[in-house]
Amino acid sequence: MARAGPRKVARYADQFKATAVKLSGLPGVLIKDVAEALDIHPFMLSLWRKEVRDGVIVARGAKLDVQTKAELKRLKELERRYKLLKEEHELLKKAIRFASDRKRKCSSSSKQTGSSAKSR
């Protein structure tokens, strides 16, 4: 369905672009996460990263404040803990499955030996 009226195109300052590129360049930070946090498309951020590499955008003025760095550090720690919890959860599910399978096998074999003892 076509939109009525002119299409809105957001314009971003070079400072904003440079800061976004700097955020996406931090170790352990994914482009899609930065793009989502800034409410931009990941392709746009990738394009800005290329422009910084090509010298179109100068990233010298981009500075990350202490609060942003602390929030990113906290986010990385939470992601690490979440990954560990998911692994532990999967291991527990496997252990429960293994134990219940063993219990079923043991109970079915004892029923068979009990019925054969009665027939003697």
PDB file of N, CA and C in Angstrom:
ATOM      1  N   MET A   1       0.838  -1.165   0.000  1.00  0.00           N
ATOM      2  CA  MET A   1       0.000   0.000   0.000  1.00  0.00           C
ATOM      3  C   MET A   1       0.894   1.244   0.000  1.00  0.00           C
ATOM      4  N   ALA A   2       0.666   2.161  -0.862  1.00  0.00           N
ATOM      5  CA  ALA A   2       1.478   3.371  -0.983  1.00  0.00           C
ATOM      6  C   ALA A   2       1.143   4.348   0.133  1.00  0.00           C
ATOM      7  N   ARG A   3       2.171   5.051   0.563  1.00  0.00           N
ATOM      8  CA  ARG A   3       1.985   6.047   1.612  1.00  0.00           C
ATOM      9  C   ARG A   3       1.606   7.379   0.981  1.00  0.00           C
ATOM     10  N   ALA A   4       0.705   8.064   1.610  1.00  0.00           N
ATOM     11  CA  ALA A   4       0.306   9.378   1.123  1.00  0.00           C
ATOM     12  C   ALA A   4       1.275  10.424   1.649  1.00  0.00           C
ATOM     13  N   GLY A   5       1.658  11.373   0.812  1.00  0.00           N
ATOM     14  CA  GLY A   5       2.522  12.458   1.244  1.00  0.00           C
ATOM     15  C   GLY A   5       3.987  12.131   1.062  1.00  0.00           C
ATOM     16  N   PRO A   6       4.845  13.084   1.373  1.00  0.00           N
ATOM     17  CA  PRO A   6       6.286  12.874   1.190  1.00  0.00           C
ATOM     18  C   PRO A   6       6.844  11.890   2.210  1.00  0.00           C
ATOM     19  N   ARG A   7       7.846  11.187   1.774  1.00  0.00           N
ATOM     20  CA  ARG A   7       8.493  10.201   2.642  1.00  0.00           C
ATOM     21  C   ARG A   7       9.446  10.911   3.594  1.00  0.00           C
ATOM     22  N   LYS A   8       9.409  10.530   4.848  1.00  0.00           N
ATOM     23  CA  LYS A   8      10.284  11.152   5.837  1.00  0.00           C
ATOM     24  C   LYS A   8      11.614  10.414   5.864  1.00  0.00           C
ATOM     25  N   VAL A   9      12.687  11.163   5.787  1.00  0.00           N
ATOM     26  CA  VAL A   9      14.028  10.603   5.859  1.00  0.00           C
ATOM     27  C   VAL A   9      14.735  11.278   7.021  1.00  0.00           C
ATOM     28  N   ALA A  10      15.182  10.472   7.952  1.00  0.00           N
ATOM     29  CA  ALA A  10      15.860  11.028   9.116  1.00  0.00           C
ATOM     30  C   ALA A  10      17.275  11.443   8.724  1.00  0.00           C
ATOM     31  N   ARG A  11      17.691  12.589   9.197  1.00  0.00           N
ATOM     32  CA  ARG A  11      19.050  13.085   8.980  1.00  0.00           C
ATOM     33  C   ARG A  11      19.776  13.007  10.321  1.00  0.00           C
ATOM     34  N   TYR A  12      20.953  12.454  10.293  1.00  0.00           N
ATOM     35  CA  TYR A  12      21.734  12.303  11.514  1.00  0.00           C
ATOM     36  C   TYR A  12      23.007  13.121  11.410  1.00  0.00           C
ATOM     37  N   ALA A  13      23.387  13.738  12.503  1.00  0.00           N
ATOM     38  CA  ALA A  13      24.616  14.518  12.553  1.00  0.00           C
ATOM     39  C   ALA A  13      25.821  13.584  12.508  1.00  0.00           C
ATOM     40  N   ASP A  14      26.920  14.106  11.992  1.00  0.00           N
ATOM     41  CA  ASP A  14      28.142  13.301  11.920  1.00  0.00           C
ATOM     42  C   ASP A  14      28.597  12.852  13.310  1.00  0.00           C
ATOM     43  N   GLN A  15      28.355  13.681  14.317  1.00  0.00           N
ATOM     44  CA  GLN A  15      28.714  13.321  15.698  1.00  0.00           C
ATOM     45  C   GLN A  15      27.941  12.075  16.142  1.00  0.00           C
ATOM     46  N   PHE A  16      26.646  12.033  15.834  1.00  0.00           N
ATOM     47  CA  PHE A  16      25.820  10.883  16.175  1.00  0.00           C
ATOM     48  C   PHE A  16      26.321   9.637  15.440  1.00  0.00           C
ATOM     49  N   LYS A  17      26.608   9.799  14.155  1.00  0.00           N
ATOM     50  CA  LYS A  17      27.096   8.674  13.346  1.00  0.00           C
ATOM     51  C   LYS A  17      28.427   8.160  13.890  1.00  0.00           C
ATOM     52  N   ALA A  18      29.322   9.096  14.217  1.00  0.00           N
ATOM     53  CA  ALA A  18      30.637   8.699  14.722  1.00  0.00           C
ATOM     54  C   ALA A  18      30.525   7.973  16.055  1.00  0.00           C
ATOM     55  N   THR A  19      29.624   8.444  16.919  1.00  0.00           N
ATOM     56  CA  THR A  19      29.418   7.785  18.213  1.00  0.00           C
ATOM     57  C   THR A  19      28.838   6.391  18.016  1.00  0.00           C
ATOM     58  N   ALA A  20      27.892   6.263  17.095  1.00  0.00           N
ATOM     59  CA  ALA A  20      27.300   4.956  16.810  1.00  0.00           C
ATOM     60  C   ALA A  20      28.358   3.991  16.296  1.00  0.00           C
ATOM     61  N   VAL A  21      29.224   4.484  15.414  1.00  0.00           N
ATOM     62  CA  VAL A  21      30.299   3.641  14.872  1.00  0.00           C
ATOM     63  C   VAL A  21      31.254   3.230  15.980  1.00  0.00           C
ATOM     64  N   LYS A  22      31.577   4.177  16.852  1.00  0.00           N
ATOM     65  CA  LYS A  22      32.481   3.853  17.962  1.00  0.00           C
ATOM     66  C   LYS A  22      31.862   2.808  18.888  1.00  0.00           C
ATOM     67  N   LEU A  23      30.569   2.936  19.167  1.00  0.00           N
ATOM     68  CA  LEU A  23      29.872   1.944  19.997  1.00  0.00           C
ATOM     69  C   LEU A  23      29.926   0.566  19.346  1.00  0.00           C
ATOM     70  N   SER A  24      29.692   0.530  18.041  1.00  0.00           N
ATOM     71  CA  SER A  24      29.656  -0.761  17.344  1.00  0.00           C
ATOM     72  C   SER A  24      31.040  -1.380  17.214  1.00  0.00           C
ATOM     73  N   GLY A  25      32.067  -0.577  17.423  1.00  0.00           N
ATOM     74  CA  GLY A  25      33.430  -1.090  17.325  1.00  0.00           C
ATOM     75  C   GLY A  25      33.978  -1.650  18.619  1.00  0.00           C
ATOM     76  N   LEU A  26      33.228  -1.515  19.703  1.00  0.00           N
ATOM     77  CA  LEU A  26      33.694  -2.048  20.985  1.00  0.00           C
ATOM     78  C   LEU A  26      33.720  -3.574  20.956  1.00  0.00           C
ATOM     79  N   PRO A  27      34.686  -4.192  21.626  1.00  0.00           N
ATOM     80  CA  PRO A  27      34.763  -5.654  21.622  1.00  0.00           C
ATOM     81  C   PRO A  27      33.540  -6.296  22.271  1.00  0.00           C
ATOM     82  N   GLY A  28      33.006  -7.309  21.609  1.00  0.00           N
ATOM     83  CA  GLY A  28      31.864  -8.050  22.134  1.00  0.00           C
ATOM     84  C   GLY A  28      30.518  -7.400  21.875  1.00  0.00           C
ATOM     85  N   VAL A  29      30.507  -6.281  21.172  1.00  0.00           N
ATOM     86  CA  VAL A  29      29.259  -5.577  20.882  1.00  0.00           C
ATOM     87  C   VAL A  29      28.855  -5.876  19.441  1.00  0.00           C
ATOM     88  N   LEU A  30      27.604  -6.270  19.253  1.00  0.00           N
ATOM     89  CA  LEU A  30      27.106  -6.594  17.921  1.00  0.00           C
ATOM     90  C   LEU A  30      26.488  -5.363  17.269  1.00  0.00           C
ATOM     91  N   ILE A  31      26.673  -5.250  15.958  1.00  0.00           N
ATOM     92  CA  ILE A  31      26.127  -4.128  15.204  1.00  0.00           C
ATOM     93  C   ILE A  31      24.610  -4.069  15.364  1.00  0.00           C
ATOM     94  N   LYS A  32      23.968  -5.231  15.293  1.00  0.00           N
ATOM     95  CA  LYS A  32      22.503  -5.244  15.379  1.00  0.00           C
ATOM     96  C   LYS A  32      22.013  -4.738  16.736  1.00  0.00           C
ATOM     97  N   ASP A  33      22.774  -5.004  17.803  1.00  0.00           N
ATOM     98  CA  ASP A  33      22.378  -4.531  19.128  1.00  0.00           C
ATOM     99  C   ASP A  33      22.497  -3.011  19.233  1.00  0.00           C
ATOM    100  N   VAL A  34      23.586  -2.465  18.694  1.00  0.00           N
ATOM    101  CA  VAL A  34      23.766  -1.012  18.706  1.00  0.00           C
ATOM    102  C   VAL A  34      22.675  -0.353  17.862  1.00  0.00           C
ATOM    103  N   ALA A  35      22.433  -0.913  16.677  1.00  0.00           N
ATOM    104  CA  ALA A  35      21.412  -0.356  15.789  1.00  0.00           C
ATOM    105  C   ALA A  35      20.036  -0.380  16.450  1.00  0.00           C
ATOM    106  N   GLU A  36      19.717  -1.471  17.110  1.00  0.00           N
ATOM    107  CA  GLU A  36      18.429  -1.586  17.788  1.00  0.00           C
ATOM    108  C   GLU A  36      18.321  -0.570  18.921  1.00  0.00           C
ATOM    109  N   ALA A  37      19.407  -0.405  19.671  1.00  0.00           N
ATOM    110  CA  ALA A  37      19.391   0.543  20.780  1.00  0.00           C
ATOM    111  C   ALA A  37      19.227   1.982  20.288  1.00  0.00           C
ATOM    112  N   LEU A  38      19.777   2.282  19.121  1.00  0.00           N
ATOM    113  CA  LEU A  38      19.694   3.638  18.569  1.00  0.00           C
ATOM    114  C   LEU A  38      18.489   3.825  17.657  1.00  0.00           C
ATOM    115  N   ASP A  39      17.720   2.756  17.484  1.00  0.00           N
ATOM    116  CA  ASP A  39      16.521   2.786  16.647  1.00  0.00           C
ATOM    117  C   ASP A  39      16.845   3.157  15.200  1.00  0.00           C
ATOM    118  N   ILE A  40      17.896   2.492  14.680  1.00  0.00           N
ATOM    119  CA  ILE A  40      18.260   2.645  13.277  1.00  0.00           C
ATOM    120  C   ILE A  40      18.402   1.259  12.673  1.00  0.00           C
ATOM    121  N   HIS A  41      18.420   1.192  11.363  1.00  0.00           N
ATOM    122  CA  HIS A  41      18.557  -0.090  10.684  1.00  0.00           C
ATOM    123  C   HIS A  41      20.026  -0.518  10.721  1.00  0.00           C
ATOM    124  N   PRO A  42      20.305  -1.806  10.963  1.00  0.00           N
ATOM    125  CA  PRO A  42      21.691  -2.277  11.007  1.00  0.00           C
ATOM    126  C   PRO A  42      22.464  -1.969   9.720  1.00  0.00           C
ATOM    127  N   PHE A  43      21.783  -1.977   8.589  1.00  0.00           N
ATOM    128  CA  PHE A  43      22.460  -1.660   7.333  1.00  0.00           C
ATOM    129  C   PHE A  43      22.978  -0.224   7.349  1.00  0.00           C
ATOM    130  N   MET A  44      22.204   0.693   7.940  1.00  0.00           N
ATOM    131  CA  MET A  44      22.628   2.087   8.011  1.00  0.00           C
ATOM    132  C   MET A  44      23.897   2.207   8.842  1.00  0.00           C
ATOM    133  N   LEU A  45      23.946   1.490   9.956  1.00  0.00           N
ATOM    134  CA  LEU A  45      25.130   1.518  10.804  1.00  0.00           C
ATOM    135  C   LEU A  45      26.329   0.926  10.067  1.00  0.00           C
ATOM    136  N   SER A  46      26.110  -0.140   9.326  1.00  0.00           N
ATOM    137  CA  SER A  46      27.196  -0.727   8.539  1.00  0.00           C
ATOM    138  C   SER A  46      27.703   0.256   7.490  1.00  0.00           C
ATOM    139  N   LEU A  47      26.777   0.995   6.890  1.00  0.00           N
ATOM    140  CA  LEU A  47      27.147   2.011   5.910  1.00  0.00           C
ATOM    141  C   LEU A  47      27.974   3.110   6.572  1.00  0.00           C
ATOM    142  N   TRP A  48      27.591   3.531   7.768  1.00  0.00           N
ATOM    143  CA  TRP A  48      28.355   4.549   8.489  1.00  0.00           C
ATOM    144  C   TRP A  48      29.744   4.034   8.843  1.00  0.00           C
ATOM    145  N   ARG A  49      29.841   2.765   9.212  1.00  0.00           N
ATOM    146  CA  ARG A  49      31.151   2.180   9.522  1.00  0.00           C
ATOM    147  C   ARG A  49      32.056   2.238   8.291  1.00  0.00           C
ATOM    148  N   LYS A  50      31.486   1.953   7.123  1.00  0.00           N
ATOM    149  CA  LYS A  50      32.252   2.017   5.881  1.00  0.00           C
ATOM    150  C   LYS A  50      32.674   3.457   5.596  1.00  0.00           C
ATOM    151  N   GLU A  51      31.765   4.402   5.834  1.00  0.00           N
ATOM    152  CA  GLU A  51      32.086   5.806   5.608  1.00  0.00           C
ATOM    153  C   GLU A  51      33.207   6.279   6.534  1.00  0.00           C
ATOM    154  N   VAL A  52      33.239   5.789   7.763  1.00  0.00           N
ATOM    155  CA  VAL A  52      34.329   6.130   8.682  1.00  0.00           C
ATOM    156  C   VAL A  52      35.634   5.548   8.163  1.00  0.00           C
ATOM    157  N   ARG A  53      35.595   4.291   7.708  1.00  0.00           N
ATOM    158  CA  ARG A  53      36.807   3.675   7.156  1.00  0.00           C
ATOM    159  C   ARG A  53      37.314   4.437   5.936  1.00  0.00           C
ATOM    160  N   ASP A  54      36.388   4.924   5.112  1.00  0.00           N
ATOM    161  CA  ASP A  54      36.754   5.640   3.889  1.00  0.00           C
ATOM    162  C   ASP A  54      37.103   7.105   4.157  1.00  0.00           C
ATOM    163  N   GLY A  55      36.869   7.587   5.373  1.00  0.00           N
ATOM    164  CA  GLY A  55      37.197   8.960   5.721  1.00  0.00           C
ATOM    165  C   GLY A  55      36.097   9.955   5.426  1.00  0.00           C
ATOM    166  N   VAL A  56      34.924   9.492   5.024  1.00  0.00           N
ATOM    167  CA  VAL A  56      33.796  10.393   4.749  1.00  0.00           C
ATOM    168  C   VAL A  56      33.292  11.004   6.056  1.00  0.00           C
ATOM    169  N   ILE A  57      33.221  10.200   7.097  1.00  0.00           N
ATOM    170  CA  ILE A  57      32.830  10.667   8.429  1.00  0.00           C
ATOM    171  C   ILE A  57      34.082  10.615   9.301  1.00  0.00           C
ATOM    172  N   VAL A  58      34.354  11.703   9.984  1.00  0.00           N
ATOM    173  CA  VAL A  58      35.514  11.737  10.867  1.00  0.00           C
ATOM    174  C   VAL A  58      35.036  11.419  12.271  1.00  0.00           C
ATOM    175  N   ALA A  59      35.581  10.352  12.852  1.00  0.00           N
ATOM    176  CA  ALA A  59      35.117   9.868  14.157  1.00  0.00           C
ATOM    177  C   ALA A  59      35.951  10.395  15.310  1.00  0.00           C
ATOM    178  N   ARG A  60      36.789  11.391  15.070  1.00  0.00           N
ATOM    179  CA  ARG A  60      37.647  11.906  16.138  1.00  0.00           C
ATOM    180  C   ARG A  60      36.853  12.483  17.299  1.00  0.00           C
ATOM    181  N   GLY A  61      35.775  13.179  16.999  1.00  0.00           N
ATOM    182  CA  GLY A  61      35.013  13.849  18.045  1.00  0.00           C
ATOM    183  C   GLY A  61      34.101  12.932  18.834  1.00  0.00           C
ATOM    184  N   ALA A  62      34.023  11.669  18.448  1.00  0.00           N
ATOM    185  CA  ALA A  62      33.100  10.746  19.118  1.00  0.00           C
ATOM    186  C   ALA A  62      33.675  10.319  20.458  1.00  0.00           C
ATOM    187  N   LYS A  63      32.944  10.631  21.503  1.00  0.00           N
ATOM    188  CA  LYS A  63      33.361  10.230  22.845  1.00  0.00           C
ATOM    189  C   LYS A  63      32.210   9.512  23.516  1.00  0.00           C
ATOM    190  N   LEU A  64      32.545   8.469  24.228  1.00  0.00           N
ATOM    191  CA  LEU A  64      31.535   7.724  24.970  1.00  0.00           C
ATOM    192  C   LEU A  64      31.593   8.178  26.422  1.00  0.00           C
ATOM    193  N   ASP A  65      30.454   8.551  26.961  1.00  0.00           N
ATOM    194  CA  ASP A  65      30.444   8.975  28.345  1.00  0.00           C
ATOM    195  C   ASP A  65      30.558   7.770  29.271  1.00  0.00           C
ATOM    196  N   VAL A  66      30.842   8.048  30.513  1.00  0.00           N
ATOM    197  CA  VAL A  66      31.063   7.002  31.517  1.00  0.00           C
ATOM    198  C   VAL A  66      29.819   6.136  31.683  1.00  0.00           C
ATOM    199  N   GLN A  67      28.654   6.765  31.651  1.00  0.00           N
ATOM    200  CA  GLN A  67      27.403   6.029  31.834  1.00  0.00           C
ATOM    201  C   GLN A  67      27.181   5.031  30.693  1.00  0.00           C
ATOM    202  N   THR A  68      27.474   5.447  29.466  1.00  0.00           N
ATOM    203  CA  THR A  68      27.313   4.556  28.314  1.00  0.00           C
ATOM    204  C   THR A  68      28.268   3.372  28.412  1.00  0.00           C
ATOM    205  N   LYS A  69      29.510   3.643  28.775  1.00  0.00           N
ATOM    206  CA  LYS A  69      30.485   2.560  28.924  1.00  0.00           C
ATOM    207  C   LYS A  69      30.059   1.589  30.020  1.00  0.00           C
ATOM    208  N   ALA A  70      29.564   2.135  31.132  1.00  0.00           N
ATOM    209  CA  ALA A  70      29.119   1.286  32.241  1.00  0.00           C
ATOM    210  C   ALA A  70      27.924   0.440  31.823  1.00  0.00           C
ATOM    211  N   GLU A  71      27.006   1.024  31.063  1.00  0.00           N
ATOM    212  CA  GLU A  71      25.825   0.294  30.606  1.00  0.00           C
ATOM    213  C   GLU A  71      26.214  -0.824  29.648  1.00  0.00           C
ATOM    214  N   LEU A  72      27.165  -0.563  28.767  1.00  0.00           N
ATOM    215  CA  LEU A  72      27.638  -1.606  27.846  1.00  0.00           C
ATOM    216  C   LEU A  72      28.328  -2.740  28.606  1.00  0.00           C
ATOM    217  N   LYS A  73      29.110  -2.379  29.601  1.00  0.00           N
ATOM    218  CA  LYS A  73      29.779  -3.392  30.415  1.00  0.00           C
ATOM    219  C   LYS A  73      28.749  -4.259  31.134  1.00  0.00           C
ATOM    220  N   ARG A  74      27.719  -3.607  31.697  1.00  0.00           N
ATOM    221  CA  ARG A  74      26.649  -4.331  32.384  1.00  0.00           C
ATOM    222  C   ARG A  74      25.901  -5.246  31.410  1.00  0.00           C
ATOM    223  N   LEU A  75      25.629  -4.745  30.215  1.00  0.00           N
ATOM    224  CA  LEU A  75      24.934  -5.534  29.204  1.00  0.00           C
ATOM    225  C   LEU A  75      25.751  -6.770  28.819  1.00  0.00           C
ATOM    226  N   LYS A  76      27.050  -6.599  28.625  1.00  0.00           N
ATOM    227  CA  LYS A  76      27.906  -7.744  28.286  1.00  0.00           C
ATOM    228  C   LYS A  76      27.884  -8.792  29.390  1.00  0.00           C
ATOM    229  N   GLU A  77      27.943  -8.343  30.636  1.00  0.00           N
ATOM    230  CA  GLU A  77      27.919  -9.270  31.770  1.00  0.00           C
ATOM    231  C   GLU A  77      26.587 -10.009  31.832  1.00  0.00           C
ATOM    232  N   LEU A  78      25.487  -9.298  31.611  1.00  0.00           N
ATOM    233  CA  LEU A  78      24.175  -9.949  31.611  1.00  0.00           C
ATOM    234  C   LEU A  78      24.054 -10.962  30.478  1.00  0.00           C
ATOM    235  N   GLU A  79      24.578 -10.640  29.314  1.00  0.00           N
ATOM    236  CA  GLU A  79      24.540 -11.577  28.191  1.00  0.00           C
ATOM    237  C   GLU A  79      25.370 -12.820  28.497  1.00  0.00           C
ATOM    238  N   ARG A  80      26.532 -12.618  29.147  1.00  0.00           N
ATOM    239  CA  ARG A  80      27.378 -13.755  29.518  1.00  0.00           C
ATOM    240  C   ARG A  80      26.645 -14.656  30.510  1.00  0.00           C
ATOM    241  N   ARG A  81      26.015 -14.053  31.509  1.00  0.00           N
ATOM    242  CA  ARG A  81      25.267 -14.837  32.507  1.00  0.00           C
ATOM    243  C   ARG A  81      24.082 -15.560  31.875  1.00  0.00           C
ATOM    244  N   TYR A  82      23.392 -14.880  30.975  1.00  0.00           N
ATOM    245  CA  TYR A  82      22.244 -15.489  30.293  1.00  0.00           C
ATOM    246  C   TYR A  82      22.680 -16.710  29.494  1.00  0.00           C
ATOM    247  N   LYS A  83      23.797 -16.602  28.792  1.00  0.00           N
ATOM    248  CA  LYS A  83      24.308 -17.725  28.008  1.00  0.00           C
ATOM    249  C   LYS A  83      24.645 -18.902  28.928  1.00  0.00           C
ATOM    250  N   LEU A  84      25.262 -18.607  30.057  1.00  0.00           N
ATOM    251  CA  LEU A  84      25.602 -19.650  31.020  1.00  0.00           C
ATOM    252  C   LEU A  84      24.340 -20.307  31.579  1.00  0.00           C
ATOM    253  N   LEU A  85      23.342 -19.513  31.914  1.00  0.00           N
ATOM    254  CA  LEU A  85      22.081 -20.066  32.427  1.00  0.00           C
ATOM    255  C   LEU A  85      21.385 -20.944  31.387  1.00  0.00           C
ATOM    256  N   LYS A  86      21.422 -20.532  30.121  1.00  0.00           N
ATOM    257  CA  LYS A  86      20.822 -21.352  29.066  1.00  0.00           C
ATOM    258  C   LYS A  86      21.527 -22.702  28.959  1.00  0.00           C
ATOM    259  N   GLU A  87      22.865 -22.696  29.034  1.00  0.00           N
ATOM    260  CA  GLU A  87      23.614 -23.947  28.979  1.00  0.00           C
ATOM    261  C   GLU A  87      23.281 -24.839  30.168  1.00  0.00           C
ATOM    262  N   GLU A  88      23.214 -24.248  31.357  1.00  0.00           N
ATOM    263  CA  GLU A  88      22.872 -25.020  32.551  1.00  0.00           C
ATOM    264  C   GLU A  88      21.463 -25.597  32.434  1.00  0.00           C
ATOM    265  N   HIS A  89      20.539 -24.817  31.912  1.00  0.00           N
ATOM    266  CA  HIS A  89      19.163 -25.274  31.732  1.00  0.00           C
ATOM    267  C   HIS A  89      19.105 -26.463  30.787  1.00  0.00           C
ATOM    268  N   GLU A  90      19.829 -26.394  29.682  1.00  0.00           N
ATOM    269  CA  GLU A  90      19.859 -27.509  28.727  1.00  0.00           C
ATOM    270  C   GLU A  90      20.456 -28.762  29.367  1.00  0.00           C
ATOM    271  N   LEU A  91      21.510 -28.599  30.159  1.00  0.00           N
ATOM    272  CA  LEU A  91      22.106 -29.748  30.850  1.00  0.00           C
ATOM    273  C   LEU A  91      21.128 -30.371  31.839  1.00  0.00           C
ATOM    274  N   LEU A  92      20.407 -29.535  32.570  1.00  0.00           N
ATOM    275  CA  LEU A  92      19.423 -30.060  33.520  1.00  0.00           C
ATOM    276  C   LEU A  92      18.297 -30.804  32.806  1.00  0.00           C
ATOM    277  N   LYS A  93      17.853 -30.277  31.672  1.00  0.00           N
ATOM    278  CA  LYS A  93      16.811 -30.966  30.908  1.00  0.00           C
ATOM    279  C   LYS A  93      17.303 -32.340  30.448  1.00  0.00           C
ATOM    280  N   LYS A  94      18.562 -32.408  29.997  1.00  0.00           N
ATOM    281  CA  LYS A  94      19.123 -33.691  29.554  1.00  0.00           C
ATOM    282  C   LYS A  94      19.237 -34.658  30.724  1.00  0.00           C
ATOM    283  N   ALA A  95      19.650 -34.143  31.896  1.00  0.00           N
ATOM    284  CA  ALA A  95      19.786 -34.999  33.080  1.00  0.00           C
ATOM    285  C   ALA A  95      18.427 -35.548  33.511  1.00  0.00           C
ATOM    286  N   ILE A  96      17.410 -34.713  33.465  1.00  0.00           N
ATOM    287  CA  ILE A  96      16.060 -35.162  33.831  1.00  0.00           C
ATOM    288  C   ILE A  96      15.577 -36.218  32.850  1.00  0.00           C
ATOM    289  N   ARG A  97      15.804 -35.980  31.563  1.00  0.00           N
ATOM    290  CA  ARG A  97      15.406 -36.957  30.547  1.00  0.00           C
ATOM    291  C   ARG A  97      16.124 -38.292  30.756  1.00  0.00           C
ATOM    292  N   PHE A  98      17.431 -38.215  31.030  1.00  0.00           N
ATOM    293  CA  PHE A  98      18.225 -39.423  31.246  1.00  0.00           C
ATOM    294  C   PHE A  98      17.717 -40.186  32.462  1.00  0.00           C
ATOM    295  N   ALA A  99      17.463 -39.473  33.563  1.00  0.00           N
ATOM    296  CA  ALA A  99      17.010 -40.126  34.788  1.00  0.00           C
ATOM    297  C   ALA A  99      15.620 -40.741  34.607  1.00  0.00           C
ATOM    298  N   SER A 100      14.733 -40.053  33.924  1.00  0.00           N
ATOM    299  CA  SER A 100      13.389 -40.600  33.741  1.00  0.00           C
ATOM    300  C   SER A 100      13.416 -41.799  32.784  1.00  0.00           C
ATOM    301  N   ASP A 101      14.279 -41.777  31.778  1.00  0.00           N
ATOM    302  CA  ASP A 101      14.420 -42.939  30.886  1.00  0.00           C
ATOM    303  C   ASP A 101      14.952 -44.144  31.662  1.00  0.00           C
ATOM    304  N   ARG A 102      15.918 -43.914  32.520  1.00  0.00           N
ATOM    305  CA  ARG A 102      16.485 -45.009  33.329  1.00  0.00           C
ATOM    306  C   ARG A 102      15.434 -45.578  34.274  1.00  0.00           C
ATOM    307  N   LYS A 103      14.650 -44.702  34.863  1.00  0.00           N
ATOM    308  CA  LYS A 103      13.623 -45.130  35.800  1.00  0.00           C
ATOM    309  C   LYS A 103      12.582 -45.982  35.082  1.00  0.00           C
ATOM    310  N   ARG A 104      12.200 -45.552  33.864  1.00  0.00           N
ATOM    311  CA  ARG A 104      11.232 -46.326  33.087  1.00  0.00           C
ATOM    312  C   ARG A 104      11.782 -47.705  32.733  1.00  0.00           C
ATOM    313  N   LYS A 105      13.038 -47.752  32.351  1.00  0.00           N
ATOM    314  CA  LYS A 105      13.641 -49.044  31.984  1.00  0.00           C
ATOM    315  C   LYS A 105      13.710 -49.967  33.191  1.00  0.00           C
ATOM    316  N   CYS A 106      14.093 -49.399  34.330  1.00  0.00           N
ATOM    317  CA  CYS A 106      14.195 -50.217  35.541  1.00  0.00           C
ATOM    318  C   CYS A 106      12.820 -50.712  35.976  1.00  0.00           C
ATOM    319  N   SER A 107      11.830 -49.870  35.931  1.00  0.00           N
ATOM    320  CA  SER A 107      10.500 -50.278  36.379  1.00  0.00           C
ATOM    321  C   SER A 107       9.880 -51.278  35.408  1.00  0.00           C
ATOM    322  N   SER A 108      10.138 -51.136  34.116  1.00  0.00           N
ATOM    323  CA  SER A 108       9.568 -52.091  33.158  1.00  0.00           C
ATOM    324  C   SER A 108      10.276 -53.451  33.253  1.00  0.00           C
ATOM    325  N   SER A 109      11.578 -53.469  33.541  1.00  0.00           N
ATOM    326  CA  SER A 109      12.277 -54.744  33.662  1.00  0.00           C
ATOM    327  C   SER A 109      11.899 -55.459  34.952  1.00  0.00           C
ATOM    328  N   SER A 110      11.620 -54.725  36.024  1.00  0.00           N
ATOM    329  CA  SER A 110      11.220 -55.373  37.276  1.00  0.00           C
ATOM    330  C   SER A 110       9.807 -55.934  37.147  1.00  0.00           C
ATOM    331  N   LYS A 111       8.950 -55.306  36.369  1.00  0.00           N
ATOM    332  CA  LYS A 111       7.607 -55.828  36.151  1.00  0.00           C
ATOM    333  C   LYS A 111       7.681 -57.133  35.364  1.00  0.00           C
ATOM    334  N   GLN A 112       8.604 -57.191  34.399  1.00  0.00           N
ATOM    335  CA  GLN A 112       8.740 -58.405  33.594  1.00  0.00           C
ATOM    336  C   GLN A 112       9.264 -59.558  34.439  1.00  0.00           C
ATOM    337  N   THR A 113      10.245 -59.330  35.294  1.00  0.00           N
ATOM    338  CA  THR A 113      10.778 -60.408  36.125  1.00  0.00           C
ATOM    339  C   THR A 113       9.762 -60.829  37.164  1.00  0.00           C
ATOM    340  N   GLY A 114       8.950 -59.902  37.645  1.00  0.00           N
ATOM    341  CA  GLY A 114       7.911 -60.233  38.628  1.00  0.00           C
ATOM    342  C   GLY A 114       6.839 -61.097  38.003  1.00  0.00           C
ATOM    343  N   SER A 115       6.461 -60.839  36.782  1.00  0.00           N
ATOM    344  CA  SER A 115       5.402 -61.627  36.131  1.00  0.00           C
ATOM    345  C   SER A 115       5.925 -63.001  35.753  1.00  0.00           C
ATOM    346  N   SER A 116       7.192 -63.106  35.392  1.00  0.00           N
ATOM    347  CA  SER A 116       7.726 -64.431  35.051  1.00  0.00           C
ATOM    348  C   SER A 116       7.908 -65.289  36.290  1.00  0.00           C
ATOM    349  N   ALA A 117       8.134 -64.661  37.431  1.00  0.00           N
ATOM    350  CA  ALA A 117       8.280 -65.421  38.681  1.00  0.00           C
ATOM    351  C   ALA A 117       6.929 -65.992  39.106  1.00  0.00           C
ATOM    352  N   LYS A 118       5.836 -65.289  38.841  1.00  0.00           N
ATOM    353  CA  LYS A 118       4.507 -65.758  39.211  1.00  0.00           C
ATOM    354  C   LYS A 118       4.098 -66.946  38.347  1.00  0.00           C
ATOM    355  N   SER A 119       4.526 -66.977  37.101  1.00  0.00           N
ATOM    356  CA  SER A 119       4.103 -68.050  36.224  1.00  0.00           C
ATOM    357  C   SER A 119       4.807 -69.360  36.523  1.00  0.00           C
ATOM    358  N   ARG A 120       5.879 -69.356  37.287  1.00  0.00           N
ATOM    359  CA  ARG A 120       6.586 -70.585  37.592  1.00  0.00           C
ATOM    360  C   ARG A 120       5.870 -71.413  38.554  1.00  0.00           C
TER     361      ARG A 120
END
